[in-house]
Amino acid sequence: MPEFTAVAFAFEVRFFVYLVITLGAALLSVIALTHCAVQKPDAFSAVGTLSKGAWLGILAITLLLSLLLSVRGGFMFTLIALAAALVYLLDVRTGFKDLRGGGSSY
């Protein structure tokens, strides 16, 4: 019987790892979505990226799919939502900082 206990423990650990990643991706998506919503639409064209509506759509749809389908084993959508949020936060948000002159001097 110890092998069944080890298998059950492995599934519990996997569940909690998926849960932490899903919640982290949801948090980053909400942060990116909020940041995107408060920006002016003309700032997106100044940075040279997709429009504000496109980014709002991408971030909202990936967040929604991640939260709805992660319950049914759709962990791939969580990873897609995480990737979309990270691209926005690391690329577009950084472009806004550089545009305002708040970038690093290094």
N, C-alpha and C. Protein backbone atom coordinates (compact mmCIF):
# COMPACT_ATOMS: atom_id res chain seq x y z
N MET A 1 0.78 -1.21 0.00
CA MET A 1 0.00 0.00 0.00
C MET A 1 0.83 1.28 0.00
N PRO A 2 2.09 1.27 0.36
CA PRO A 2 2.84 2.54 0.38
C PRO A 2 2.96 3.18 -1.00
N GLU A 3 2.93 2.36 -2.07
CA GLU A 3 3.04 2.95 -3.40
C GLU A 3 1.81 3.79 -3.74
N PHE A 4 0.63 3.39 -3.25
CA PHE A 4 -0.57 4.19 -3.48
C PHE A 4 -0.52 5.50 -2.71
N THR A 5 0.06 5.47 -1.53
CA THR A 5 0.21 6.67 -0.73
C THR A 5 1.16 7.64 -1.41
N ALA A 6 2.23 7.13 -1.98
CA ALA A 6 3.19 7.99 -2.69
C ALA A 6 2.56 8.61 -3.92
N VAL A 7 1.74 7.86 -4.63
CA VAL A 7 1.07 8.39 -5.81
C VAL A 7 0.07 9.47 -5.41
N ALA A 8 -0.68 9.23 -4.34
CA ALA A 8 -1.64 10.22 -3.86
C ALA A 8 -0.91 11.49 -3.42
N PHE A 9 0.20 11.33 -2.75
CA PHE A 9 0.98 12.50 -2.32
C PHE A 9 1.51 13.27 -3.53
N ALA A 10 1.95 12.57 -4.56
CA ALA A 10 2.46 13.24 -5.76
C ALA A 10 1.36 14.04 -6.44
N PHE A 11 0.15 13.50 -6.48
CA PHE A 11 -0.97 14.24 -7.07
C PHE A 11 -1.34 15.46 -6.24
N GLU A 12 -1.24 15.36 -4.93
CA GLU A 12 -1.52 16.50 -4.07
C GLU A 12 -0.47 17.60 -4.27
N VAL A 13 0.78 17.20 -4.37
CA VAL A 13 1.85 18.19 -4.59
C VAL A 13 1.66 18.86 -5.95
N ARG A 14 1.35 18.07 -6.97
CA ARG A 14 1.12 18.64 -8.30
C ARG A 14 -0.05 19.61 -8.29
N PHE A 15 -1.11 19.26 -7.58
CA PHE A 15 -2.27 20.14 -7.48
C PHE A 15 -1.88 21.49 -6.87
N PHE A 16 -1.12 21.46 -5.79
CA PHE A 16 -0.74 22.71 -5.13
C PHE A 16 0.24 23.53 -5.97
N VAL A 17 1.11 22.87 -6.70
CA VAL A 17 2.01 23.60 -7.60
C VAL A 17 1.21 24.28 -8.71
N TYR A 18 0.28 23.55 -9.30
CA TYR A 18 -0.59 24.14 -10.33
C TYR A 18 -1.42 25.28 -9.75
N LEU A 19 -1.89 25.12 -8.53
CA LEU A 19 -2.69 26.17 -7.89
C LEU A 19 -1.87 27.43 -7.68
N VAL A 20 -0.65 27.29 -7.21
CA VAL A 20 0.22 28.46 -6.99
C VAL A 20 0.53 29.15 -8.31
N ILE A 21 0.83 28.37 -9.34
CA ILE A 21 1.13 28.96 -10.65
C ILE A 21 -0.11 29.65 -11.22
N THR A 22 -1.27 29.02 -11.08
CA THR A 22 -2.51 29.62 -11.59
C THR A 22 -2.84 30.91 -10.87
N LEU A 23 -2.71 30.92 -9.55
CA LEU A 23 -3.00 32.15 -8.80
C LEU A 23 -1.97 33.24 -9.10
N GLY A 24 -0.72 32.86 -9.26
CA GLY A 24 0.31 33.84 -9.63
C GLY A 24 0.06 34.42 -11.01
N ALA A 25 -0.32 33.58 -11.94
CA ALA A 25 -0.63 34.06 -13.29
C ALA A 25 -1.85 34.96 -13.28
N ALA A 26 -2.85 34.61 -12.47
CA ALA A 26 -4.05 35.46 -12.37
C ALA A 26 -3.70 36.81 -11.76
N LEU A 27 -2.86 36.81 -10.75
CA LEU A 27 -2.46 38.07 -10.13
C LEU A 27 -1.69 38.95 -11.11
N LEU A 28 -0.74 38.37 -11.82
CA LEU A 28 0.01 39.14 -12.81
C LEU A 28 -0.89 39.63 -13.94
N SER A 29 -1.85 38.82 -14.33
CA SER A 29 -2.78 39.23 -15.38
C SER A 29 -3.66 40.39 -14.93
N VAL A 30 -4.11 40.35 -13.68
CA VAL A 30 -4.92 41.45 -13.16
C VAL A 30 -4.10 42.73 -13.06
N ILE A 31 -2.85 42.61 -12.63
CA ILE A 31 -1.97 43.79 -12.57
C ILE A 31 -1.75 44.36 -13.97
N ALA A 32 -1.47 43.51 -14.94
CA ALA A 32 -1.25 43.97 -16.31
C ALA A 32 -2.52 44.58 -16.89
N LEU A 33 -3.66 43.95 -16.63
CA LEU A 33 -4.93 44.45 -17.13
C LEU A 33 -5.27 45.81 -16.53
N THR A 34 -5.03 45.98 -15.25
CA THR A 34 -5.27 47.25 -14.58
C THR A 34 -4.35 48.33 -15.12
N HIS A 35 -3.08 48.01 -15.29
CA HIS A 35 -2.13 48.98 -15.83
C HIS A 35 -2.51 49.38 -17.24
N CYS A 36 -2.92 48.42 -18.03
CA CYS A 36 -3.32 48.69 -19.41
C CYS A 36 -4.57 49.57 -19.46
N ALA A 37 -5.51 49.34 -18.55
CA ALA A 37 -6.76 50.08 -18.57
C ALA A 37 -6.58 51.56 -18.23
N VAL A 38 -5.58 51.89 -17.41
CA VAL A 38 -5.41 53.29 -17.00
C VAL A 38 -4.50 54.09 -17.93
N GLN A 39 -3.90 53.44 -18.91
CA GLN A 39 -3.02 54.15 -19.84
C GLN A 39 -3.84 54.86 -20.91
N LYS A 40 -3.28 55.94 -21.43
CA LYS A 40 -3.93 56.65 -22.53
C LYS A 40 -3.74 55.87 -23.82
N PRO A 41 -4.76 55.86 -24.70
CA PRO A 41 -4.66 55.08 -25.94
C PRO A 41 -3.53 55.53 -26.86
N ASP A 42 -3.21 56.81 -26.89
CA ASP A 42 -2.16 57.27 -27.79
C ASP A 42 -0.76 56.87 -27.31
N ALA A 43 -0.64 56.50 -26.05
CA ALA A 43 0.67 56.06 -25.54
C ALA A 43 1.10 54.74 -26.17
N PHE A 44 0.14 53.91 -26.53
CA PHE A 44 0.47 52.62 -27.13
C PHE A 44 1.09 52.80 -28.51
N SER A 45 0.56 53.75 -29.28
CA SER A 45 1.15 53.98 -30.60
C SER A 45 2.51 54.67 -30.46
N ALA A 46 2.69 55.47 -29.41
CA ALA A 46 3.99 56.12 -29.19
C ALA A 46 5.06 55.10 -28.83
N VAL A 47 4.67 54.06 -28.12
CA VAL A 47 5.61 53.00 -27.76
C VAL A 47 5.88 52.09 -28.95
N GLY A 48 4.91 52.00 -29.87
CA GLY A 48 5.09 51.16 -31.05
C GLY A 48 4.64 49.74 -30.84
N THR A 49 3.54 49.57 -30.15
CA THR A 49 3.03 48.24 -29.86
C THR A 49 1.57 48.15 -30.33
N LEU A 50 0.91 47.09 -29.98
CA LEU A 50 -0.50 46.93 -30.32
C LEU A 50 -1.32 48.04 -29.66
N SER A 51 -2.54 48.20 -30.13
CA SER A 51 -3.41 49.24 -29.57
C SER A 51 -3.87 48.85 -28.17
N LYS A 52 -4.42 49.83 -27.48
CA LYS A 52 -4.92 49.59 -26.13
C LYS A 52 -6.02 48.55 -26.13
N GLY A 53 -6.93 48.64 -27.09
CA GLY A 53 -8.02 47.67 -27.18
C GLY A 53 -7.52 46.25 -27.41
N ALA A 54 -6.50 46.12 -28.23
CA ALA A 54 -5.93 44.78 -28.49
C ALA A 54 -5.32 44.20 -27.23
N TRP A 55 -4.55 45.01 -26.50
CA TRP A 55 -3.94 44.52 -25.27
C TRP A 55 -4.98 44.21 -24.22
N LEU A 56 -6.01 45.07 -24.10
CA LEU A 56 -7.08 44.77 -23.14
C LEU A 56 -7.77 43.46 -23.50
N GLY A 57 -8.02 43.24 -24.78
CA GLY A 57 -8.64 42.00 -25.21
C GLY A 57 -7.79 40.78 -24.94
N ILE A 58 -6.51 40.87 -25.29
CA ILE A 58 -5.60 39.74 -25.07
C ILE A 58 -5.52 39.40 -23.59
N LEU A 59 -5.31 40.41 -22.76
CA LEU A 59 -5.14 40.16 -21.33
C LEU A 59 -6.43 39.67 -20.68
N ALA A 60 -7.56 40.25 -21.06
CA ALA A 60 -8.84 39.84 -20.46
C ALA A 60 -9.24 38.43 -20.90
N ILE A 61 -9.08 38.12 -22.17
CA ILE A 61 -9.47 36.79 -22.66
C ILE A 61 -8.58 35.71 -22.08
N THR A 62 -7.28 35.96 -22.04
CA THR A 62 -6.39 34.93 -21.48
C THR A 62 -6.64 34.74 -19.99
N LEU A 63 -6.92 35.83 -19.27
CA LEU A 63 -7.24 35.70 -17.84
C LEU A 63 -8.53 34.91 -17.65
N LEU A 64 -9.54 35.23 -18.42
CA LEU A 64 -10.82 34.54 -18.31
C LEU A 64 -10.68 33.04 -18.65
N LEU A 65 -10.00 32.75 -19.75
CA LEU A 65 -9.81 31.34 -20.12
C LEU A 65 -8.97 30.60 -19.08
N SER A 66 -7.98 31.27 -18.55
CA SER A 66 -7.14 30.65 -17.54
C SER A 66 -7.95 30.28 -16.30
N LEU A 67 -8.78 31.22 -15.84
CA LEU A 67 -9.55 30.95 -14.62
C LEU A 67 -10.66 29.94 -14.86
N LEU A 68 -11.30 30.00 -16.01
CA LEU A 68 -12.40 29.08 -16.27
C LEU A 68 -11.94 27.67 -16.59
N LEU A 69 -10.86 27.55 -17.34
CA LEU A 69 -10.45 26.22 -17.80
C LEU A 69 -9.39 25.56 -16.92
N SER A 70 -8.81 26.30 -15.99
CA SER A 70 -7.81 25.67 -15.12
C SER A 70 -8.47 24.67 -14.18
N VAL A 71 -9.75 24.86 -13.90
CA VAL A 71 -10.47 23.91 -13.06
C VAL A 71 -10.63 22.57 -13.76
N ARG A 72 -10.74 22.61 -15.08
CA ARG A 72 -10.95 21.37 -15.85
C ARG A 72 -9.65 20.83 -16.45
N GLY A 73 -8.52 21.27 -15.95
CA GLY A 73 -7.27 20.74 -16.43
C GLY A 73 -6.66 21.50 -17.59
N GLY A 74 -7.13 22.70 -17.86
CA GLY A 74 -6.60 23.50 -18.95
C GLY A 74 -5.42 24.34 -18.51
N PHE A 75 -4.39 23.69 -18.01
CA PHE A 75 -3.22 24.40 -17.49
C PHE A 75 -2.48 25.16 -18.58
N MET A 76 -2.63 24.75 -19.83
CA MET A 76 -1.99 25.43 -20.94
C MET A 76 -2.47 26.87 -21.04
N PHE A 77 -3.75 27.10 -20.77
CA PHE A 77 -4.29 28.46 -20.82
C PHE A 77 -3.71 29.33 -19.70
N THR A 78 -3.40 28.72 -18.58
CA THR A 78 -2.74 29.46 -17.50
C THR A 78 -1.36 29.91 -17.95
N LEU A 79 -0.65 29.04 -18.63
CA LEU A 79 0.68 29.41 -19.12
C LEU A 79 0.60 30.49 -20.20
N ILE A 80 -0.43 30.43 -21.03
CA ILE A 80 -0.62 31.46 -22.06
C ILE A 80 -0.95 32.80 -21.41
N ALA A 81 -1.80 32.79 -20.38
CA ALA A 81 -2.13 34.02 -19.66
C ALA A 81 -0.89 34.58 -18.97
N LEU A 82 -0.07 33.72 -18.41
CA LEU A 82 1.17 34.15 -17.78
C LEU A 82 2.10 34.77 -18.80
N ALA A 83 2.22 34.16 -19.95
CA ALA A 83 3.09 34.69 -21.01
C ALA A 83 2.58 36.04 -21.50
N ALA A 84 1.27 36.18 -21.70
CA ALA A 84 0.72 37.46 -22.17
C ALA A 84 0.95 38.56 -21.14
N ALA A 85 0.73 38.26 -19.88
CA ALA A 85 0.93 39.26 -18.83
C ALA A 85 2.39 39.65 -18.72
N LEU A 86 3.29 38.68 -18.82
CA LEU A 86 4.71 39.00 -18.73
C LEU A 86 5.20 39.81 -19.93
N VAL A 87 4.71 39.49 -21.12
CA VAL A 87 5.08 40.28 -22.30
C VAL A 87 4.62 41.72 -22.13
N TYR A 88 3.38 41.89 -21.65
CA TYR A 88 2.89 43.25 -21.45
C TYR A 88 3.72 43.98 -20.39
N LEU A 89 3.92 43.34 -19.26
CA LEU A 89 4.61 44.02 -18.16
C LEU A 89 6.08 44.27 -18.46
N LEU A 90 6.74 43.34 -19.12
CA LEU A 90 8.17 43.49 -19.35
C LEU A 90 8.51 44.25 -20.62
N ASP A 91 7.60 44.32 -21.57
CA ASP A 91 7.88 45.00 -22.82
C ASP A 91 7.13 46.33 -22.92
N VAL A 92 5.82 46.28 -22.86
CA VAL A 92 5.01 47.47 -23.08
C VAL A 92 5.12 48.43 -21.90
N ARG A 93 5.00 47.92 -20.69
CA ARG A 93 5.10 48.79 -19.51
C ARG A 93 6.48 49.43 -19.43
N THR A 94 7.50 48.69 -19.77
CA THR A 94 8.85 49.26 -19.79
C THR A 94 8.96 50.34 -20.85
N GLY A 95 8.29 50.16 -21.97
CA GLY A 95 8.27 51.19 -23.01
C GLY A 95 7.60 52.46 -22.52
N PHE A 96 6.56 52.33 -21.71
CA PHE A 96 5.91 53.51 -21.13
C PHE A 96 6.86 54.24 -20.18
N LYS A 97 7.60 53.48 -19.39
CA LYS A 97 8.56 54.11 -18.48
C LYS A 97 9.64 54.85 -19.26
N ASP A 98 10.15 54.24 -20.32
CA ASP A 98 11.17 54.89 -21.14
C ASP A 98 10.61 56.13 -21.83
N LEU A 99 9.36 56.08 -22.21
CA LEU A 99 8.72 57.20 -22.88
C LEU A 99 8.60 58.40 -21.95
N ARG A 100 8.32 58.14 -20.68
CA ARG A 100 8.21 59.21 -19.69
C ARG A 100 9.56 59.64 -19.14
N GLY A 101 10.61 58.94 -19.50
CA GLY A 101 11.94 59.30 -19.00
C GLY A 101 12.23 58.68 -17.65
N GLY A 102 11.46 57.72 -17.24
CA GLY A 102 11.67 57.09 -15.96
C GLY A 102 12.50 55.83 -16.03
N GLY A 103 13.12 55.61 -17.18
CA GLY A 103 13.93 54.40 -17.34
C GLY A 103 15.25 54.50 -16.60
N SER A 104 15.95 53.42 -16.55
CA SER A 104 17.24 53.38 -15.88
C SER A 104 18.29 54.11 -16.68
N SER A 105 19.26 54.64 -15.98
CA SER A 105 20.33 55.39 -16.68
C SER A 105 21.49 54.48 -17.07
N TYR A 106 21.38 53.20 -16.81
CA TYR A 106 22.49 52.29 -17.11
C TYR A 106 22.47 51.91 -18.54
